């Protein structure tokens, strides 16, 4: 008889609870410090957590430090999302929002710093992340691992940055 591993629940279809999420550092990160547990729209809550963390810790860093933090956060995200997805039995559970957090940090870093510009960036990013136009939808369907979880949100961030760049270029901000 196969033994059940109550800690990892590898391969089982687990419903994440606060107790489950806060039982390990990788789960806490993958679930955006708990913001991924909020309903409805955990991705929106995760993006809001990303905005808060940006304002608290990253907004005043130099560009070199932000780039380093983003690179490390992306790699860390690949690992924590892979582990949590495996433990949940779902490679891209909606509560795993570290991908939204890191992708939105990229958007905030390269967008105008005015509050209303950041509000627009939030709406544009959420739109692309929810609608998933090509190739985001392709990546979301095909890459079912930690890298895939992170990558489709980074592509949504790039799309968002293109829209914001057009707005800036047309004189909207900046």
Protein backbone atom coordinates (compact mmCIF):
# COMPACT_ATOMS: atom_id res chain seq x y z
CA UNK A 1 0.00 0.00 0.00
CA UNK A 2 1.39 3.41 -0.99
CA UNK A 3 2.10 5.79 1.85
CA UNK A 4 0.38 9.16 1.92
CA UNK A 5 2.75 12.09 2.43
CA UNK A 6 0.68 14.65 4.40
CA UNK A 7 3.29 17.38 4.03
CA UNK A 8 3.78 17.47 0.28
CA UNK A 9 0.56 15.86 -1.01
CA UNK A 10 2.45 15.29 -4.26
CA UNK A 11 0.08 14.44 -7.07
CA UNK A 12 -3.07 14.90 -5.00
CA UNK A 13 -5.76 17.41 -5.81
CA UNK A 14 -5.38 19.63 -2.73
CA UNK A 15 -7.58 22.61 -1.88
CA UNK A 16 -5.17 25.17 -0.45
CA UNK A 17 -6.12 26.50 2.97
CA UNK A 18 -4.37 29.14 5.04
CA UNK A 19 -2.89 26.36 7.17
CA UNK A 20 -1.54 24.60 4.08
CA UNK A 21 -0.16 27.80 2.52
CA UNK A 22 1.51 29.08 5.68
CA UNK A 23 3.16 25.72 6.42
CA UNK A 24 6.22 26.40 4.22
CA UNK A 25 8.15 29.32 2.77
CA UNK A 26 7.72 28.18 -0.85
CA UNK A 27 3.93 28.09 -0.45
CA UNK A 28 3.88 31.49 1.27
CA UNK A 29 5.80 32.98 -1.65
CA UNK A 30 3.85 31.16 -4.36
CA UNK A 31 0.60 32.37 -2.78
CA UNK A 32 1.85 35.96 -2.59
CA UNK A 33 2.14 36.14 1.21
CA UNK A 34 -1.42 34.83 1.40
CA UNK A 35 -2.99 37.20 -1.14
CA UNK A 36 -3.65 34.26 -3.46
CA UNK A 37 -6.09 32.87 -0.90
CA UNK A 38 -8.41 35.87 -1.30
CA UNK A 39 -11.55 35.38 -3.39
CA UNK A 40 -12.82 36.31 -5.84
CA UNK A 41 -10.07 37.08 -8.34
CA UNK A 42 -6.91 35.89 -6.56
CA UNK A 43 -4.75 37.11 -9.48
CA UNK A 44 -6.03 40.64 -8.96
CA UNK A 45 -5.33 40.41 -5.23
CA UNK A 46 -1.85 39.08 -6.02
CA UNK A 47 -1.22 41.97 -8.40
CA UNK A 48 -2.35 44.38 -5.68
CA UNK A 49 0.08 42.69 -3.28
CA UNK A 50 2.80 43.15 -5.90
CA UNK A 51 1.99 46.85 -6.09
CA UNK A 52 2.15 47.16 -2.30
CA UNK A 53 5.47 45.30 -2.11
CA UNK A 54 6.81 47.49 -4.93
CA UNK A 55 5.95 50.66 -3.03
CA UNK A 56 7.33 49.33 0.26
CA UNK A 57 10.57 47.75 -0.92
CA UNK A 58 11.49 48.25 -4.58
CA UNK A 59 10.33 51.63 -5.87
CA UNK A 60 13.35 53.51 -4.55
CA UNK A 61 16.01 50.98 -5.58
CA UNK A 62 18.41 51.75 -8.41
CA UNK A 63 17.67 50.25 -11.81
CA UNK A 64 20.51 47.76 -11.38
CA UNK A 65 19.08 46.51 -8.08
CA UNK A 66 15.55 46.28 -9.48
CA UNK A 67 16.83 44.28 -12.46
CA UNK A 68 18.66 41.93 -10.09
CA UNK A 69 15.62 41.53 -7.82
CA UNK A 70 13.40 40.82 -10.85
CA UNK A 71 15.79 38.19 -12.22
CA UNK A 72 16.12 36.47 -8.84
CA UNK A 73 12.37 36.71 -8.17
CA UNK A 74 11.65 35.13 -11.57
CA UNK A 75 14.01 32.20 -10.91
CA UNK A 76 12.66 31.80 -7.39
CA UNK A 77 9.13 31.91 -8.82
CA UNK A 78 9.89 29.09 -11.24
CA UNK A 79 10.98 26.95 -8.31
CA UNK A 80 8.20 27.81 -5.81
CA UNK A 81 5.43 27.56 -8.43
CA UNK A 82 6.77 24.20 -9.63
CA UNK A 83 6.84 22.85 -6.05
CA UNK A 84 3.40 24.18 -5.14
CA UNK A 85 1.82 23.11 -8.40
CA UNK A 86 3.12 19.59 -7.87
CA UNK A 87 1.95 19.53 -4.25
CA UNK A 88 -1.52 20.81 -5.23
CA UNK A 89 -1.87 18.39 -8.13
CA UNK A 90 -2.48 21.40 -10.43
CA UNK A 91 0.49 22.98 -12.20
CA UNK A 92 -1.02 26.49 -12.30
CA UNK A 93 -3.45 26.86 -9.42
CA UNK A 94 -5.19 30.25 -9.49
CA UNK A 95 -4.06 30.96 -5.94
CA UNK A 96 -0.39 30.88 -6.94
CA UNK A 97 0.14 34.58 -7.60
CA UNK A 98 3.92 35.04 -7.36
CA UNK A 99 3.86 35.20 -11.17
CA UNK A 100 1.52 38.21 -11.10
CA UNK A 101 3.63 39.88 -8.43
CA UNK A 102 6.91 39.60 -10.32
CA UNK A 103 5.39 40.46 -13.72
CA UNK A 104 3.69 43.54 -12.27
CA UNK A 105 6.99 44.63 -10.70
CA UNK A 106 8.39 44.63 -14.25
CA UNK A 107 5.47 46.79 -15.41
CA UNK A 108 5.86 49.22 -12.52
CA UNK A 109 9.61 49.48 -13.01
CA UNK A 110 9.30 50.51 -16.66
CA UNK A 111 6.13 52.62 -16.38
CA UNK A 112 5.77 56.26 -15.32
CA UNK A 113 5.74 56.57 -11.53
CA UNK A 114 2.66 58.79 -11.26
CA UNK A 115 -0.16 57.22 -9.26
CA UNK A 116 -2.70 57.41 -12.11
CA UNK A 117 -0.18 55.90 -14.52
CA UNK A 118 0.29 53.01 -12.10
CA UNK A 119 -3.49 52.60 -11.83
CA UNK A 120 -3.68 52.38 -15.62
CA UNK A 121 -0.77 49.92 -15.62
CA UNK A 122 -2.65 47.78 -13.10
CA UNK A 123 -5.80 47.67 -15.24
CA UNK A 124 -3.90 47.03 -18.48
CA UNK A 125 -1.80 44.25 -16.93
CA UNK A 126 -4.83 42.56 -15.36
CA UNK A 127 -6.62 42.77 -18.70
CA UNK A 128 -3.84 41.01 -20.57
CA UNK A 129 -3.41 38.44 -17.80
CA UNK A 130 -7.14 37.63 -17.78
CA UNK A 131 -7.82 37.71 -21.55
CA UNK A 132 -4.54 35.93 -22.45
CA UNK A 133 -4.20 36.94 -26.11
CA UNK A 134 -1.74 34.92 -28.22
CA UNK A 135 0.90 33.79 -27.44
CA UNK A 136 -0.01 34.10 -23.75
CA UNK A 137 -2.86 31.58 -24.13
CA UNK A 138 -0.53 29.18 -25.96
CA UNK A 139 2.12 29.42 -23.24
CA UNK A 140 -0.53 29.03 -20.53
CA UNK A 141 -1.88 25.84 -22.16
CA UNK A 142 1.44 24.24 -23.15
CA UNK A 143 3.98 25.01 -20.44
CA UNK A 144 2.69 23.28 -17.33
CA UNK A 145 5.61 23.82 -14.99
CA UNK A 146 7.02 26.60 -12.83
CA UNK A 147 8.71 28.27 -15.79
CA UNK A 148 5.45 28.26 -17.75
CA UNK A 149 3.52 29.69 -14.80
CA UNK A 150 5.99 32.59 -14.63
CA UNK A 151 6.48 33.10 -18.37
CA UNK A 152 2.89 33.75 -19.46
CA UNK A 153 2.62 36.60 -16.93
CA UNK A 154 5.90 38.11 -18.10
CA UNK A 155 4.50 38.14 -21.65
CA UNK A 156 1.36 39.85 -20.30
CA UNK A 157 3.69 42.40 -18.69
CA UNK A 158 5.48 42.99 -22.02
CA UNK A 159 2.13 43.55 -23.76
CA UNK A 160 1.16 45.96 -20.98
CA UNK A 161 4.42 47.85 -21.36
CA UNK A 162 3.84 48.21 -25.11
CA UNK A 163 0.41 49.75 -24.49
CA UNK A 164 1.83 52.06 -21.83
CA UNK A 165 4.70 53.09 -24.13
CA UNK A 166 2.21 54.09 -26.82
CA UNK A 167 0.23 56.11 -24.29
CA UNK A 168 3.42 57.84 -23.08
CA UNK A 169 4.54 58.48 -26.64
CA UNK A 170 1.17 60.05 -27.47
CA UNK A 171 1.63 62.38 -24.53
CA UNK A 172 -0.52 60.60 -21.97
CA UNK A 173 2.19 60.54 -19.26
CA UNK A 174 5.88 61.12 -18.90
